[in-house]
Protein backbone atom coordinates (compact mmCIF):
# COMPACT_ATOMS: atom_id res chain seq x y z
CA MET A 1 90.34 -70.79 -80.72
CA ARG A 2 93.93 -69.65 -81.16
CA VAL A 3 95.50 -68.76 -77.82
CA LEU A 4 98.80 -66.98 -77.22
CA LEU A 5 100.26 -67.64 -73.76
CA LEU A 6 103.00 -65.27 -72.63
CA THR A 7 105.17 -65.82 -69.55
CA LEU A 8 108.54 -64.78 -68.21
CA GLY A 9 110.67 -65.88 -65.29
CA SER A 10 111.84 -69.00 -63.53
CA ARG A 11 110.68 -72.61 -63.64
CA GLY A 12 107.83 -71.71 -61.31
CA ASP A 13 106.62 -69.07 -63.79
CA ILE A 14 106.93 -71.33 -66.83
CA GLU A 15 105.57 -74.74 -65.80
CA PRO A 16 102.03 -73.56 -64.90
CA PHE A 17 101.74 -71.98 -68.36
CA ILE A 18 102.96 -75.19 -69.99
CA ALA A 19 100.31 -77.08 -68.00
CA LEU A 20 97.64 -74.61 -69.13
CA GLY A 21 98.82 -74.89 -72.72
CA ILE A 22 98.57 -78.68 -72.58
CA GLY A 23 95.03 -78.37 -71.24
CA LEU A 24 93.99 -75.90 -73.92
CA ARG A 25 95.47 -78.09 -76.64
CA ALA A 26 93.61 -81.14 -75.26
CA ALA A 27 90.39 -79.11 -75.49
CA GLY A 28 90.99 -78.59 -79.21
CA HIS A 29 92.58 -75.14 -79.18
CA GLU A 30 95.67 -73.99 -81.06
CA VAL A 31 98.29 -72.86 -78.55
CA THR A 32 101.51 -70.85 -78.83
CA LEU A 33 103.60 -70.29 -75.71
CA GLY A 34 105.92 -67.29 -75.67
CA ALA A 35 108.87 -67.64 -73.29
CA THR A 36 112.63 -67.10 -73.23
CA ARG A 37 114.77 -68.89 -75.81
CA HIS A 38 116.62 -71.19 -73.43
CA LEU A 39 113.30 -72.90 -72.57
CA ALA A 40 112.58 -74.02 -76.14
CA ASP A 41 113.43 -77.69 -75.52
CA VAL A 42 111.28 -77.82 -72.38
CA ILE A 43 108.24 -76.27 -74.05
CA GLU A 44 108.53 -78.20 -77.31
CA GLY A 45 109.17 -81.39 -75.32
CA HIS A 46 105.60 -81.03 -74.08
CA GLY A 47 104.31 -80.74 -77.63
CA LEU A 48 103.63 -77.00 -77.59
CA ARG A 49 104.63 -74.42 -80.18
CA HIS A 50 107.29 -72.10 -78.71
CA ALA A 51 107.62 -68.42 -79.59
CA PRO A 52 111.09 -67.26 -78.46
CA MET A 53 111.77 -64.23 -76.28
CA ASP A 54 115.07 -62.57 -75.47
CA ASP A 55 117.14 -64.33 -72.77
CA GLY A 56 118.37 -61.08 -71.22
CA PHE A 57 116.16 -61.33 -68.14
CA PHE A 58 117.42 -64.85 -67.41
CA GLU A 59 121.03 -63.79 -67.91
CA LEU A 60 120.63 -60.72 -65.69
CA LEU A 61 119.21 -62.84 -62.88
CA HIS A 62 122.39 -64.93 -62.92
CA SER A 63 124.82 -62.06 -63.23
CA ARG A 64 126.70 -60.63 -60.26
CA ALA A 65 124.41 -57.59 -60.25
CA GLY A 66 121.35 -59.84 -60.36
CA ARG A 67 122.54 -62.01 -57.48
CA GLU A 68 123.30 -58.95 -55.37
CA GLY A 69 119.88 -57.55 -56.25
CA VAL A 70 118.17 -60.72 -55.04
CA GLN A 71 120.15 -60.51 -51.78
CA ARG A 72 119.05 -56.89 -51.22
CA SER A 73 115.39 -57.45 -52.09
CA GLY A 74 114.15 -58.82 -48.76
CA SER A 75 112.18 -55.63 -48.05
CA ILE A 76 110.06 -53.24 -50.08
CA THR A 77 112.80 -50.59 -49.89
CA GLY A 78 115.34 -53.18 -51.02
CA MET A 79 113.12 -54.18 -53.94
CA LEU A 80 112.70 -50.55 -55.02
CA SER A 81 116.44 -49.98 -54.65
CA THR A 82 117.19 -53.04 -56.79
CA THR A 83 114.69 -51.93 -59.44
CA LEU A 84 116.28 -48.48 -59.64
CA ARG A 85 119.82 -49.92 -59.75
CA LEU A 86 118.95 -52.28 -62.58
CA ALA A 87 116.60 -49.95 -64.47
CA ARG A 88 119.22 -49.06 -67.09
CA GLN A 89 119.63 -52.75 -67.96
CA LEU A 90 115.98 -53.74 -67.56
CA GLY A 91 114.55 -51.11 -69.91
CA PRO A 92 116.20 -52.39 -73.13
CA MET A 93 115.37 -55.98 -72.13
CA GLN A 94 111.71 -55.13 -71.61
CA LEU A 95 111.60 -53.38 -74.97
CA GLN A 96 113.10 -56.38 -76.76
CA ILE A 97 110.72 -58.75 -75.00
CA GLN A 98 107.79 -56.57 -76.07
CA ARG A 99 109.05 -56.75 -79.67
CA ASP A 100 109.37 -60.53 -79.38
CA CYS A 101 105.84 -60.82 -77.97
CA TRP A 102 104.53 -58.73 -80.87
CA ALA A 103 106.30 -61.01 -83.34
CA ALA A 104 104.67 -64.00 -81.64
CA ALA A 105 101.26 -62.33 -81.82
CA GLN A 106 101.63 -61.52 -85.51
CA ALA A 107 102.74 -65.06 -86.31
CA SER A 108 100.06 -66.86 -84.27
CA ARG A 109 97.12 -64.50 -84.99
CA PRO A 110 95.46 -65.25 -81.62
CA HIS A 111 91.85 -64.81 -80.64
CA LEU A 112 92.92 -64.47 -76.99
CA ILE A 113 96.11 -63.55 -75.09
CA VAL A 114 96.73 -65.00 -71.62
CA HIS A 115 99.74 -63.42 -69.97
CA HIS A 116 101.92 -63.36 -66.89
CA LEU A 117 102.06 -60.22 -64.77
CA LYS A 118 105.67 -59.58 -65.82
CA LEU A 119 104.49 -58.97 -69.40
CA MET A 120 103.16 -55.48 -68.73
CA GLY A 121 102.79 -54.74 -72.44
CA ALA A 122 100.53 -57.70 -73.25
CA PRO A 123 97.34 -55.58 -72.92
CA ASP A 124 98.81 -53.27 -75.56
CA LEU A 125 99.31 -56.21 -77.92
CA ALA A 126 95.70 -57.24 -77.41
CA HIS A 127 94.50 -53.67 -77.93
CA ALA A 128 96.48 -53.39 -81.18
CA LEU A 129 94.96 -56.66 -82.42
CA GLY A 130 91.43 -55.89 -81.19
CA ILE A 131 91.24 -59.04 -79.04
CA PRO A 132 90.79 -59.64 -75.29
CA ALA A 133 93.63 -60.30 -72.86
CA VAL A 134 93.43 -62.22 -69.60
CA LEU A 135 95.91 -61.69 -66.77
CA ALA A 136 97.01 -65.07 -65.38
CA LEU A 137 98.24 -64.69 -61.81
CA LEU A 138 100.35 -67.20 -59.92
CA VAL A 139 100.20 -64.82 -56.94
CA PRO A 140 97.00 -62.94 -55.95
CA MET A 141 98.60 -59.48 -55.96
CA VAL A 142 96.47 -57.36 -58.32
CA GLN A 143 92.80 -57.50 -57.27
CA PRO A 144 92.36 -55.45 -54.08
CA THR A 145 90.91 -57.32 -51.12
CA ALA A 146 90.57 -56.95 -47.36
CA ALA A 147 91.12 -60.70 -46.92
CA TRP A 148 94.93 -60.57 -46.97
CA PRO A 149 97.63 -57.92 -47.51
CA CYS A 150 99.17 -57.50 -50.94
CA PRO A 151 101.68 -60.38 -51.11
CA VAL A 152 104.67 -58.24 -52.11
CA LEU A 153 104.25 -55.72 -49.28
CA PRO A 154 105.63 -56.07 -45.74
CA ARG A 155 103.26 -57.26 -43.01
CA GLY A 156 103.88 -54.40 -40.56
CA PRO A 157 101.59 -51.71 -42.05
CA ASP A 158 98.81 -54.28 -42.35
CA ARG A 159 98.78 -54.79 -38.59
CA LEU A 160 98.27 -51.05 -38.10
CA ALA A 161 95.87 -50.21 -40.92
CA GLY A 162 93.71 -53.35 -41.07
CA ALA A 163 91.26 -54.00 -43.90
CA VAL A 164 91.41 -50.46 -45.33
CA GLY A 165 95.21 -50.60 -45.44
CA ARG A 166 95.16 -54.00 -47.10
CA ARG A 167 93.02 -52.79 -49.97
CA ALA A 168 95.06 -49.60 -50.30
CA GLY A 169 98.25 -51.63 -50.55
CA TYR A 170 97.07 -53.21 -53.80
CA HIS A 171 96.36 -49.81 -55.33
CA VAL A 172 99.85 -48.64 -54.36
CA VAL A 173 101.50 -51.69 -55.94
CA ASN A 174 99.39 -51.38 -59.11
CA ALA A 175 100.27 -47.69 -59.40
CA LEU A 176 103.98 -48.39 -58.95
CA ALA A 177 103.87 -51.14 -61.57
CA ASN A 178 102.28 -48.75 -64.05
CA ARG A 179 104.76 -46.01 -63.14
CA PHE A 180 107.95 -48.04 -63.48
CA GLY A 181 107.02 -50.77 -65.97
CA LEU A 182 105.55 -48.98 -68.94
CA GLY A 183 108.36 -46.87 -70.39
CA PRO A 184 109.48 -49.62 -72.83
CA VAL A 185 105.85 -50.29 -73.76
CA ARG A 186 105.30 -46.66 -74.70
CA ARG A 187 108.48 -46.72 -76.78
CA TRP A 188 107.27 -49.87 -78.55
CA ARG A 189 103.96 -48.19 -79.36
CA ARG A 190 105.85 -45.30 -80.94
CA GLU A 191 107.97 -47.76 -82.97
CA GLN A 192 104.80 -49.34 -84.32
CA GLY A 193 103.19 -46.02 -85.17
CA LEU A 194 100.41 -46.64 -82.65
CA ALA A 195 98.52 -43.91 -80.84
CA PRO A 196 99.59 -43.16 -77.26
CA ARG A 197 98.52 -45.77 -74.74
CA PRO A 198 94.85 -45.25 -73.79
CA PRO A 199 94.81 -43.97 -70.19
CA ALA A 200 92.13 -46.52 -69.26
CA ILE A 201 94.49 -49.48 -69.74
CA ASP A 202 95.99 -50.77 -66.52
CA LEU A 203 96.46 -54.12 -64.83
CA ARG A 204 92.72 -54.53 -64.24
CA HIS A 205 91.06 -52.69 -67.14
CA ASP A 206 91.13 -52.59 -70.92
CA ALA A 207 91.06 -49.52 -73.17
CA ALA A 208 87.28 -49.19 -72.74
CA ARG A 209 87.69 -49.34 -68.93
CA ARG A 210 86.07 -52.77 -68.85
CA PRO A 211 87.41 -55.25 -66.28
CA VAL A 212 89.88 -57.76 -67.66
CA GLY A 213 89.72 -61.38 -66.61
CA LEU A 214 91.90 -62.17 -63.60
CA LEU A 215 92.68 -65.89 -63.65
CA HIS A 216 94.44 -67.09 -60.50
CA ALA A 217 96.38 -70.37 -60.46
CA HIS A 218 96.08 -71.11 -56.76
CA SER A 219 93.72 -73.26 -54.76
CA GLU A 220 90.88 -71.97 -52.64
CA SER A 221 91.64 -74.87 -50.29
CA LEU A 222 94.69 -72.85 -49.24
CA LEU A 223 93.40 -69.32 -49.89
CA PRO A 224 89.59 -69.19 -49.65
CA ARG A 225 87.94 -66.85 -52.15
CA PRO A 226 87.66 -63.34 -50.67
CA ALA A 227 84.10 -62.11 -50.22
CA ASP A 228 85.03 -58.79 -51.87
CA TRP A 229 86.42 -60.23 -55.11
CA PRO A 230 84.40 -59.36 -58.24
CA PRO A 231 83.04 -62.11 -60.54
CA HIS A 232 85.80 -61.64 -63.12
CA ALA A 233 88.46 -62.65 -60.56
CA VAL A 234 88.60 -66.43 -60.16
CA ALA A 235 90.89 -69.03 -58.58
CA THR A 236 90.86 -72.40 -60.31
CA GLY A 237 93.34 -74.49 -58.34
CA PHE A 238 97.04 -75.00 -59.05
CA TRP A 239 98.02 -75.66 -62.67
CA ARG A 240 100.18 -78.77 -62.54
CA LEU A 241 101.91 -80.65 -65.29
CA PRO A 242 100.73 -84.18 -66.10
CA ALA A 243 103.04 -86.90 -64.78
CA ARG A 244 105.56 -88.12 -67.36
CA ALA A 245 106.89 -91.68 -67.49
CA ASP A 246 110.04 -90.53 -69.28
CA SER A 247 111.43 -88.50 -66.35
CA PRO A 248 112.61 -91.07 -63.78
CA LEU A 249 114.88 -90.15 -60.88
CA PRO A 250 118.61 -90.91 -61.39
CA PRO A 251 119.72 -94.29 -59.96
CA THR A 252 122.30 -92.66 -57.67
CA LEU A 253 119.61 -90.44 -56.16
CA LEU A 254 117.25 -93.37 -55.65
CA ALA A 255 120.06 -95.35 -54.01
CA PHE A 256 120.71 -92.49 -51.56
CA ILE A 257 117.02 -92.17 -50.71
CA GLU A 258 116.65 -95.90 -50.09
CA ALA A 259 119.82 -96.12 -47.96
CA GLY A 260 118.21 -94.59 -44.86
CA PRO A 261 115.27 -92.65 -43.41
CA PRO A 262 113.49 -90.28 -45.81
CA PRO A 263 115.73 -87.25 -46.39
CA VAL A 264 114.77 -83.60 -46.54
CA TYR A 265 114.67 -81.79 -49.89
CA VAL A 266 116.45 -78.43 -49.97
CA GLY A 267 116.28 -76.23 -53.05
CA PHE A 268 115.87 -72.53 -53.74
CA GLY A 269 115.02 -72.76 -57.43
CA SER A 270 116.08 -69.71 -59.39
CA MET A 271 117.04 -67.76 -56.27
CA ALA A 272 120.79 -67.22 -56.06
CA GLY A 273 122.16 -64.78 -53.51
CA ARG A 274 125.68 -63.44 -53.49
CA ASP A 275 127.07 -66.39 -51.46
CA PRO A 276 125.70 -69.75 -52.71
CA SER A 277 128.58 -71.61 -51.02
CA GLY A 278 127.85 -70.01 -47.65
CA LEU A 279 124.17 -70.87 -47.97
CA ALA A 280 125.06 -74.49 -48.77
CA ARG A 281 127.28 -74.67 -45.67
CA THR A 282 124.44 -73.34 -43.51
CA VAL A 283 122.06 -75.97 -44.89
CA ILE A 284 124.52 -78.84 -44.48
CA ASP A 285 125.31 -77.80 -40.90
CA ALA A 286 121.59 -77.50 -40.09
CA LEU A 287 120.91 -81.00 -41.39
CA ALA A 288 123.74 -82.36 -39.24
CA GLN A 289 122.47 -80.54 -36.13
CA ALA A 290 118.96 -81.89 -36.74
CA GLY A 291 120.24 -85.43 -37.32
CA LEU A 292 118.68 -85.56 -40.77
CA ARG A 293 119.75 -86.50 -44.29
CA GLY A 294 119.23 -84.11 -47.18
CA VAL A 295 118.94 -83.88 -50.95
CA LEU A 296 120.31 -80.50 -52.06
CA ALA A 297 119.26 -79.15 -55.46
CA ARG A 298 121.64 -76.60 -56.98
CA GLY A 299 118.81 -75.18 -59.08
CA TRP A 300 119.96 -72.05 -60.91
CA GLY A 301 123.00 -71.66 -58.65
CA GLY A 302 121.42 -70.96 -55.26
CA LEU A 303 123.40 -73.77 -53.57
CA GLU A 304 127.01 -74.58 -54.42
CA THR A 305 129.42 -76.86 -52.59
CA THR A 306 132.32 -79.17 -53.33
CA ALA A 307 132.32 -80.73 -49.86
CA VAL A 308 129.45 -83.22 -49.77
CA PRO A 309 129.25 -85.19 -46.50
CA ALA A 310 127.70 -88.65 -46.27
CA HIS A 311 124.34 -87.34 -44.99
CA VAL A 312 123.87 -85.17 -48.11
CA HIS A 313 123.25 -85.93 -51.79
CA LEU A 314 123.76 -83.14 -54.33
CA ILE A 315 121.73 -82.86 -57.55
CA ASP A 316 121.20 -80.21 -60.20
CA GLU A 317 117.42 -80.60 -60.25
CA ALA A 318 114.76 -83.31 -60.39
CA PRO A 319 111.02 -83.47 -61.15
CA HIS A 320 109.24 -82.28 -58.02
CA ASP A 321 106.29 -84.60 -58.58
CA ARG A 322 108.64 -87.60 -58.50
CA LEU A 323 111.06 -86.47 -55.81
CA LEU A 324 109.07 -84.63 -53.13
CA PRO A 325 106.71 -87.50 -52.19
CA LEU A 326 109.85 -89.48 -51.22
CA MET A 327 111.07 -86.73 -48.88
CA ALA A 328 110.31 -86.08 -45.21
CA ALA A 329 109.92 -82.33 -45.77
CA ALA A 330 110.84 -79.62 -48.27
CA VAL A 331 113.00 -76.56 -47.58
CA HIS A 332 112.50 -73.92 -50.26
CA HIS A 333 112.27 -70.21 -50.99
CA GLY A 334 108.48 -69.99 -51.05
CA GLY A 335 107.99 -69.47 -54.77
CA ALA A 336 104.44 -70.21 -55.88
CA GLY A 337 105.50 -73.21 -57.99
CA THR A 338 107.60 -74.96 -55.34
CA THR A 339 105.01 -74.18 -52.68
CA ALA A 340 102.36 -75.92 -54.78
CA ALA A 341 104.66 -78.88 -55.45
CA ALA A 342 105.32 -79.42 -51.75
CA LEU A 343 101.61 -79.16 -50.95
CA LEU A 344 100.69 -81.66 -53.66
CA ALA A 345 103.36 -84.05 -52.35
CA GLY A 346 101.79 -83.92 -48.90
CA ARG A 347 105.00 -82.81 -47.22
CA PRO A 348 105.53 -80.03 -44.65
CA SER A 349 107.56 -77.08 -45.86
CA VAL A 350 110.25 -74.93 -44.31
CA VAL A 351 110.13 -71.63 -46.19
CA CYS A 352 113.22 -69.41 -46.35
CA PRO A 353 112.07 -66.46 -48.46
CA PHE A 354 114.37 -64.14 -50.37
CA PHE A 355 111.93 -61.43 -51.51
CA GLY A 356 108.59 -60.57 -53.09
CA ASP A 357 105.63 -62.87 -52.59
CA GLN A 358 107.73 -65.63 -51.02
CA SER A 359 107.15 -64.36 -47.47
CA PHE A 360 103.41 -64.32 -48.19
CA TRP A 361 103.38 -68.02 -49.11
CA GLY A 362 105.55 -68.81 -46.08
CA ARG A 363 103.07 -67.07 -43.78
CA GLN A 364 100.08 -68.72 -45.42
CA LEU A 365 101.57 -72.19 -44.97
CA HIS A 366 102.46 -71.45 -41.35
CA GLU A 367 99.03 -70.03 -40.52
CA ALA A 368 97.39 -73.07 -42.14
CA GLY A 369 99.43 -75.41 -39.95
CA LEU A 370 101.44 -76.72 -42.91
CA ALA A 371 104.87 -75.33 -42.01
CA PRO A 372 106.92 -73.85 -39.17
CA ALA A 373 107.27 -70.07 -39.14
CA PRO A 374 109.22 -68.90 -42.21
CA ILE A 375 112.87 -67.93 -41.82
CA PRO A 376 113.86 -64.99 -44.04
CA GLN A 377 117.21 -65.45 -45.77
CA GLN A 378 118.63 -62.47 -43.89
CA ARG A 379 117.99 -64.28 -40.57
CA LEU A 380 118.85 -67.80 -41.71
CA THR A 381 121.33 -69.63 -39.46
CA ALA A 382 122.13 -73.30 -39.08
CA ALA A 383 120.58 -73.34 -35.59
CA ARG A 384 117.30 -71.73 -36.71
CA LEU A 385 117.03 -73.99 -39.73
CA ALA A 386 117.81 -77.10 -37.66
CA ALA A 387 115.01 -76.24 -35.21
CA ALA A 388 112.54 -75.68 -38.06
CA LEU A 389 113.59 -78.94 -39.71
CA GLN A 390 113.00 -80.90 -36.53
CA GLU A 391 109.55 -79.35 -36.20
CA ALA A 392 108.66 -80.06 -39.84
CA VAL A 393 109.81 -83.68 -39.73
CA ARG A 394 108.68 -84.66 -36.23
CA SER A 395 105.46 -82.67 -35.66
CA GLU A 396 102.53 -85.04 -36.14
CA PRO A 397 99.98 -82.18 -36.53
CA LEU A 398 102.07 -80.66 -39.35
CA ARG A 399 102.45 -83.97 -41.13
CA ARG A 400 98.77 -84.81 -40.77
CA ALA A 401 97.69 -81.36 -42.04
CA ALA A 402 100.01 -81.71 -45.06
CA THR A 403 98.51 -85.10 -45.91
CA VAL A 404 94.95 -83.76 -45.68
CA MET A 405 95.77 -80.71 -47.82
CA ALA A 406 97.43 -82.87 -50.48
CA GLY A 407 94.29 -84.99 -50.75
CA ARG A 408 92.17 -81.90 -51.35
CA LEU A 409 94.53 -80.44 -53.93
CA ARG A 410 94.89 -83.67 -55.89
CA ALA A 411 91.11 -83.85 -56.20
CA GLU A 412 91.07 -80.46 -57.93
CA ASP A 413 91.47 -79.97 -61.67
CA GLY A 414 92.96 -76.49 -61.80
CA VAL A 415 93.88 -76.67 -65.48
CA GLY A 416 90.49 -78.06 -66.47
CA ARG A 417 88.67 -75.30 -64.59
CA ALA A 418 90.96 -72.66 -66.11
CA VAL A 419 90.36 -73.93 -69.64
CA ASP A 420 86.60 -73.98 -69.11
CA TRP A 421 86.64 -70.45 -67.70
CA LEU A 422 88.79 -69.13 -70.55
CA GLN A 423 86.42 -70.59 -73.13
CA ARG A 424 83.45 -68.94 -71.46
CA TRP A 425 85.32 -65.65 -70.99
CA GLN A 426 86.42 -65.43 -74.59
CA ALA A 427 82.93 -66.27 -75.84
CA GLY A 428 81.53 -63.51 -73.66
CA GLN A 429 83.92 -60.92 -75.14
CA ARG A 430 82.68 -61.34 -78.71
């Protein structure tokens, strides 16, 4: 089977697809992974064929406008405001990405497309080729359920409306995604001389109004399967990369770790607000107040400082599977990828969400006894972070729960289950 994987976003959006690609290749399938150009070395370094996409999305995220948008996006109104402000720039990028995805599809001639939610036009590619598409979800935000509120919506309305409101929230988000995300896809269809988009196609249905496969890359040990999910919605377990012997930690980092008690990891991945230096000062002050050492990861520019005190070690990035097990706890933004990495390492988290689904993961960890209450970036102070750090590092119930959860997750084969399901799904679509 020839499979085209399509993803877009940060490290947390890319690595699960690389892991899935490795699993599909090991099962004898021919895999092409479409992602932005700057990730070519990473993807090809894992032995996968890379189909390049435009880097505009990545560049926008790191621009001044992108940083300010991230800072504003802590609420649903802020997210909508950011989307409207950036719409003029996003539209041409989405159109170019759709063209790049089409080029990848024509070159790879897939039997199946598996795509990230950000690739709204992937169902149109599959429809044009006459093949099935599967939506791969790192966040369970498409299939309506009464079990939990839609992860990108605020919690307040859920408390008032209950189960009915929870399910309705998903329909609202799906409708908004179709309303604001499909203009470039329609333009691409016109460029290709295709008929107008069939009205039946949406996030959960194909052109014949049949349900599409919804493949979730999270663990039911953390989020038990909702009783109201249909059979075509499945959760396989986290998709994690195989350990690599050729990615050791730098000697200077190892020396810092070994020079004292286990430090705390602090990193916000691709999240970069308008004041990375101020955020770094807050983190450094919090570590000092808590009496803890810290490893700060600059990531994509979320933390920047030139003043590095003795209790802090600054890095660009490091493999989470190597670094996090050596830490006492992990402070992060609550992205799905970093959340999974901290869970697999068996370390408590302190989640400081910026926007989107990050608050959802922070709440889930807290409610599962795996983290203190999340601290939104807008409310983050050194004192609040210091208190959360002390709880994460010194609470025996938190540490014990993290160890137990890690044991469960490591026993799961999320990639293997996903590959098996995809094989059965594709066979059933013939």
